[in-house]
């Protein structure tokens, strides 16, 4: 009987590891991928002027703030390079997160206490206005981003895929 308990314990531990891996894969697949905006997050941009764009990237509750920052800067680099420009500067940069909570219907227990479930979700975002340039601007006193260098350095962190469950 002693061997039976050890064997079952090993099976349970093996099953726990397997379920943990499946859960990690599921949660990773739920994270926002790099792509155009959908209900799971993504990028949007609006062309304001010949060389000026409003750019944003929104994530869902499974995507870290650091990853959204990478996606946002990567998208700014892509826009710059797609317009045959090499540099961009940013105005009104806003990178952060927003937390929201929802409470589901509760019930009153026999002792008069109330119980309900509250779900809290934090979603990260990045937004800003960029101005793009062919040549490096010399009269700007802020950060000048080299689009090609930035895009190349961020490429290993970009997870591409569809922002849908299907």
C-alpha atoms as a PDB file:
ATOM      1  CA  UNK A   1       0.000   0.000   0.000  1.00  0.00           C
ATOM      2  CA  UNK A   2       2.870   2.385   0.645  1.00  0.00           C
ATOM      3  CA  UNK A   3       3.982   2.217  -3.011  1.00  0.00           C
ATOM      4  CA  UNK A   4       0.423   2.946  -4.141  1.00  0.00           C
ATOM      5  CA  UNK A   5       0.391   6.266  -2.255  1.00  0.00           C
ATOM      6  CA  UNK A   6       3.740   7.292  -3.745  1.00  0.00           C
ATOM      7  CA  UNK A   7       2.586   6.318  -7.237  1.00  0.00           C
ATOM      8  CA  UNK A   8      -0.655   8.338  -6.890  1.00  0.00           C
ATOM      9  CA  UNK A   9       1.286  11.277  -5.450  1.00  0.00           C
ATOM     10  CA  UNK A  10       3.592  11.219  -8.475  1.00  0.00           C
ATOM     11  CA  UNK A  11       0.585  11.110 -10.804  1.00  0.00           C
ATOM     12  CA  UNK A  12      -1.012  14.067  -9.005  1.00  0.00           C
ATOM     13  CA  UNK A  13       2.224  16.075  -9.144  1.00  0.00           C
ATOM     14  CA  UNK A  14       2.607  15.239 -12.825  1.00  0.00           C
ATOM     15  CA  UNK A  15      -1.008  16.289 -13.470  1.00  0.00           C
ATOM     16  CA  UNK A  16      -0.472  19.567 -11.562  1.00  0.00           C
ATOM     17  CA  UNK A  17       2.578  20.369 -13.706  1.00  0.00           C
ATOM     18  CA  UNK A  18       0.634  19.567 -16.872  1.00  0.00           C
ATOM     19  CA  UNK A  19      -2.313  21.788 -15.811  1.00  0.00           C
ATOM     20  CA  UNK A  20       0.068  24.607 -14.855  1.00  0.00           C
ATOM     21  CA  UNK A  21       1.664  24.480 -18.307  1.00  0.00           C
ATOM     22  CA  UNK A  22      -1.768  24.463 -19.989  1.00  0.00           C
ATOM     23  CA  UNK A  23      -2.887  27.436 -17.900  1.00  0.00           C
ATOM     24  CA  UNK A  24       0.281  29.364 -18.790  1.00  0.00           C
ATOM     25  CA  UNK A  25      -0.262  28.647 -22.486  1.00  0.00           C
ATOM     26  CA  UNK A  26      -3.895  29.735 -22.250  1.00  0.00           C
ATOM     27  CA  UNK A  27      -3.080  32.980 -20.440  1.00  0.00           C
ATOM     28  CA  UNK A  28      -0.278  33.758 -22.887  1.00  0.00           C
ATOM     29  CA  UNK A  29      -2.614  33.163 -25.810  1.00  0.00           C
ATOM     30  CA  UNK A  30      -5.091  35.611 -24.248  1.00  0.00           C
ATOM     31  CA  UNK A  31      -2.512  38.397 -24.121  1.00  0.00           C
ATOM     32  CA  UNK A  32      -2.686  41.130 -26.728  1.00  0.00           C
ATOM     33  CA  UNK A  33      -0.643  40.362 -29.830  1.00  0.00           C
ATOM     34  CA  UNK A  34       0.901  43.003 -32.042  1.00  0.00           C
ATOM     35  CA  UNK A  35      -1.719  44.021 -34.565  1.00  0.00           C
ATOM     36  CA  UNK A  36      -4.536  46.356 -35.449  1.00  0.00           C
ATOM     37  CA  UNK A  37      -7.019  47.121 -32.671  1.00  0.00           C
ATOM     38  CA  UNK A  38      -9.689  44.571 -31.774  1.00  0.00           C
ATOM     39  CA  UNK A  39     -11.605  43.716 -28.607  1.00  0.00           C
ATOM     40  CA  UNK A  40      -8.375  42.208 -27.166  1.00  0.00           C
ATOM     41  CA  UNK A  41      -6.295  45.334 -27.770  1.00  0.00           C
ATOM     42  CA  UNK A  42      -3.996  46.561 -30.504  1.00  0.00           C
ATOM     43  CA  UNK A  43      -2.905  49.719 -32.285  1.00  0.00           C
ATOM     44  CA  UNK A  44      -4.685  52.626 -33.914  1.00  0.00           C
ATOM     45  CA  UNK A  45      -3.334  55.724 -35.584  1.00  0.00           C
ATOM     46  CA  UNK A  46      -4.759  58.868 -37.108  1.00  0.00           C
ATOM     47  CA  UNK A  47      -2.857  60.936 -39.643  1.00  0.00           C
ATOM     48  CA  UNK A  48      -3.198  64.554 -38.490  1.00  0.00           C
ATOM     49  CA  UNK A  49      -0.909  66.250 -40.987  1.00  0.00           C
ATOM     50  CA  UNK A  50       1.629  65.270 -43.628  1.00  0.00           C
ATOM     51  CA  UNK A  51       4.178  64.180 -41.010  1.00  0.00           C
ATOM     52  CA  UNK A  52       2.122  64.091 -37.799  1.00  0.00           C
ATOM     53  CA  UNK A  53       0.268  61.058 -36.384  1.00  0.00           C
ATOM     54  CA  UNK A  54      -1.676  60.261 -33.231  1.00  0.00           C
ATOM     55  CA  UNK A  55      -0.709  56.723 -32.266  1.00  0.00           C
ATOM     56  CA  UNK A  56      -2.080  54.461 -29.551  1.00  0.00           C
ATOM     57  CA  UNK A  57      -1.724  50.888 -28.398  1.00  0.00           C
ATOM     58  CA  UNK A  58      -4.105  49.333 -25.878  1.00  0.00           C
ATOM     59  CA  UNK A  59      -3.659  46.030 -24.123  1.00  0.00           C
ATOM     60  CA  UNK A  60      -5.962  43.740 -22.213  1.00  0.00           C
ATOM     61  CA  UNK A  61      -5.705  42.432 -18.662  1.00  0.00           C
ATOM     62  CA  UNK A  62      -3.192  39.744 -19.681  1.00  0.00           C
ATOM     63  CA  UNK A  63      -0.596  42.056 -21.256  1.00  0.00           C
ATOM     64  CA  UNK A  64       2.099  43.749 -19.180  1.00  0.00           C
ATOM     65  CA  UNK A  65       2.684  47.477 -19.231  1.00  0.00           C
ATOM     66  CA  UNK A  66       6.237  46.884 -20.456  1.00  0.00           C
ATOM     67  CA  UNK A  67       4.981  44.881 -23.439  1.00  0.00           C
ATOM     68  CA  UNK A  68       2.468  47.606 -24.355  1.00  0.00           C
ATOM     69  CA  UNK A  69       5.271  50.194 -24.222  1.00  0.00           C
ATOM     70  CA  UNK A  70       7.290  48.043 -26.658  1.00  0.00           C
ATOM     71  CA  UNK A  71       4.319  47.617 -28.997  1.00  0.00           C
ATOM     72  CA  UNK A  72       3.578  51.342 -28.920  1.00  0.00           C
ATOM     73  CA  UNK A  73       7.151  52.389 -29.747  1.00  0.00           C
ATOM     74  CA  UNK A  74       7.386  49.659 -32.383  1.00  0.00           C
ATOM     75  CA  UNK A  75       4.253  50.990 -34.085  1.00  0.00           C
ATOM     76  CA  UNK A  76       5.674  54.538 -34.063  1.00  0.00           C
ATOM     77  CA  UNK A  77       8.816  53.175 -35.746  1.00  0.00           C
ATOM     78  CA  UNK A  78       6.779  51.289 -38.350  1.00  0.00           C
ATOM     79  CA  UNK A  79       4.782  54.394 -39.268  1.00  0.00           C
ATOM     80  CA  UNK A  80       7.972  56.437 -39.607  1.00  0.00           C
ATOM     81  CA  UNK A  81       9.696  53.886 -41.831  1.00  0.00           C
ATOM     82  CA  UNK A  82       6.563  53.304 -43.945  1.00  0.00           C
ATOM     83  CA  UNK A  83       6.632  56.997 -44.900  1.00  0.00           C
ATOM     84  CA  UNK A  84      10.301  56.783 -46.032  1.00  0.00           C
ATOM     85  CA  UNK A  85      11.413  58.719 -42.967  1.00  0.00           C
ATOM     86  CA  UNK A  86      14.117  57.811 -40.453  1.00  0.00           C
ATOM     87  CA  UNK A  87      13.403  59.719 -37.232  1.00  0.00           C
ATOM     88  CA  UNK A  88      10.489  60.721 -35.059  1.00  0.00           C
ATOM     89  CA  UNK A  89       9.870  62.885 -32.044  1.00  0.00           C
ATOM     90  CA  UNK A  90       6.986  62.493 -29.648  1.00  0.00           C
ATOM     91  CA  UNK A  91       4.583  64.926 -28.024  1.00  0.00           C
ATOM     92  CA  UNK A  92       1.992  64.182 -25.362  1.00  0.00           C
ATOM     93  CA  UNK A  93       3.330  60.701 -24.631  1.00  0.00           C
ATOM     94  CA  UNK A  94       1.127  58.888 -22.135  1.00  0.00           C
ATOM     95  CA  UNK A  95       2.043  55.356 -21.128  1.00  0.00           C
ATOM     96  CA  UNK A  96       0.211  53.866 -18.188  1.00  0.00           C
ATOM     97  CA  UNK A  97      -2.587  51.622 -17.044  1.00  0.00           C
ATOM     98  CA  UNK A  98      -6.223  51.781 -16.023  1.00  0.00           C
ATOM     99  CA  UNK A  99      -7.793  49.548 -13.394  1.00  0.00           C
ATOM    100  CA  UNK A 100     -11.483  48.724 -13.350  1.00  0.00           C
ATOM    101  CA  UNK A 101     -13.561  46.526 -11.066  1.00  0.00           C
ATOM    102  CA  UNK A 102     -16.864  44.774 -11.522  1.00  0.00           C
ATOM    103  CA  UNK A 103     -18.919  43.175  -8.784  1.00  0.00           C
ATOM    104  CA  UNK A 104     -21.163  40.252  -9.560  1.00  0.00           C
ATOM    105  CA  UNK A 105     -24.453  39.619  -7.864  1.00  0.00           C
ATOM    106  CA  UNK A 106     -24.051  38.538  -4.266  1.00  0.00           C
ATOM    107  CA  UNK A 107     -26.146  36.810  -1.672  1.00  0.00           C
ATOM    108  CA  UNK A 108     -27.057  37.261   1.964  1.00  0.00           C
ATOM    109  CA  UNK A 109     -25.932  34.429   4.195  1.00  0.00           C
ATOM    110  CA  UNK A 110     -28.014  32.962   7.054  1.00  0.00           C
ATOM    111  CA  UNK A 111     -25.987  34.985   9.553  1.00  0.00           C
ATOM    112  CA  UNK A 112     -26.867  38.237   7.751  1.00  0.00           C
ATOM    113  CA  UNK A 113     -23.464  38.725   6.106  1.00  0.00           C
ATOM    114  CA  UNK A 114     -23.240  39.558   2.420  1.00  0.00           C
ATOM    115  CA  UNK A 115     -20.899  37.925  -0.055  1.00  0.00           C
ATOM    116  CA  UNK A 116     -20.176  38.936  -3.652  1.00  0.00           C
ATOM    117  CA  UNK A 117     -17.362  38.473  -6.137  1.00  0.00           C
ATOM    118  CA  UNK A 118     -15.357  41.446  -7.349  1.00  0.00           C
ATOM    119  CA  UNK A 119     -13.141  41.126 -10.405  1.00  0.00           C
ATOM    120  CA  UNK A 120     -10.396  43.676 -10.933  1.00  0.00           C
ATOM    121  CA  UNK A 121      -8.666  44.085 -14.298  1.00  0.00           C
ATOM    122  CA  UNK A 122      -5.726  46.337 -15.134  1.00  0.00           C
ATOM    123  CA  UNK A 123      -5.266  47.269 -18.789  1.00  0.00           C
ATOM    124  CA  UNK A 124      -2.119  49.026 -20.018  1.00  0.00           C
ATOM    125  CA  UNK A 125      -1.951  51.567 -22.826  1.00  0.00           C
ATOM    126  CA  UNK A 126       0.420  53.858 -24.677  1.00  0.00           C
ATOM    127  CA  UNK A 127      -0.479  56.913 -26.715  1.00  0.00           C
ATOM    128  CA  UNK A 128       1.150  59.980 -28.144  1.00  0.00           C
ATOM    129  CA  UNK A 129       1.546  62.272 -31.108  1.00  0.00           C
ATOM    130  CA  UNK A 130       4.599  61.773 -33.300  1.00  0.00           C
ATOM    131  CA  UNK A 131       6.193  63.949 -35.936  1.00  0.00           C
ATOM    132  CA  UNK A 132       8.340  62.125 -38.469  1.00  0.00           C
ATOM    133  CA  UNK A 133      11.456  63.355 -40.328  1.00  0.00           C
ATOM    134  CA  UNK A 134      13.691  62.138 -43.147  1.00  0.00           C
ATOM    135  CA  UNK A 135      16.751  63.830 -41.605  1.00  0.00           C
ATOM    136  CA  UNK A 136      17.577  64.043 -37.916  1.00  0.00           C
ATOM    137  CA  UNK A 137      16.164  67.345 -36.596  1.00  0.00           C
ATOM    138  CA  UNK A 138      18.836  69.592 -35.110  1.00  0.00           C
ATOM    139  CA  UNK A 139      16.599  72.148 -33.415  1.00  0.00           C
ATOM    140  CA  UNK A 140      14.695  69.806 -31.088  1.00  0.00           C
ATOM    141  CA  UNK A 141      15.569  69.698 -27.391  1.00  0.00           C
ATOM    142  CA  UNK A 142      13.991  66.313 -26.550  1.00  0.00           C
ATOM    143  CA  UNK A 143      14.405  62.669 -27.462  1.00  0.00           C
ATOM    144  CA  UNK A 144      14.858  61.983 -31.163  1.00  0.00           C
ATOM    145  CA  UNK A 145      14.040  58.361 -31.955  1.00  0.00           C
ATOM    146  CA  UNK A 146      15.948  56.543 -34.701  1.00  0.00           C
ATOM    147  CA  UNK A 147      13.095  54.473 -36.161  1.00  0.00           C
ATOM    148  CA  UNK A 148      15.217  51.755 -37.749  1.00  0.00           C
ATOM    149  CA  UNK A 149      17.394  51.225 -34.649  1.00  0.00           C
ATOM    150  CA  UNK A 150      14.365  51.196 -32.353  1.00  0.00           C
ATOM    151  CA  UNK A 151      12.396  48.795 -34.554  1.00  0.00           C
ATOM    152  CA  UNK A 152      15.345  46.398 -34.770  1.00  0.00           C
ATOM    153  CA  UNK A 153      15.909  46.435 -31.012  1.00  0.00           C
ATOM    154  CA  UNK A 154      12.226  45.782 -30.270  1.00  0.00           C
ATOM    155  CA  UNK A 155      11.674  43.089 -32.929  1.00  0.00           C
ATOM    156  CA  UNK A 156      12.533  40.124 -30.623  1.00  0.00           C
ATOM    157  CA  UNK A 157       9.764  41.208 -28.201  1.00  0.00           C
ATOM    158  CA  UNK A 158       6.975  41.557 -30.764  1.00  0.00           C
ATOM    159  CA  UNK A 159       4.414  38.744 -30.606  1.00  0.00           C
ATOM    160  CA  UNK A 160       2.428  38.627 -33.794  1.00  0.00           C
ATOM    161  CA  UNK A 161      -0.894  36.923 -34.196  1.00  0.00           C
ATOM    162  CA  UNK A 162      -4.562  37.583 -34.355  1.00  0.00           C
ATOM    163  CA  UNK A 163      -6.203  39.407 -31.474  1.00  0.00           C
ATOM    164  CA  UNK A 164      -9.088  36.989 -31.354  1.00  0.00           C
ATOM    165  CA  UNK A 165      -9.900  33.686 -29.742  1.00  0.00           C
ATOM    166  CA  UNK A 166     -10.508  32.039 -33.124  1.00  0.00           C
END
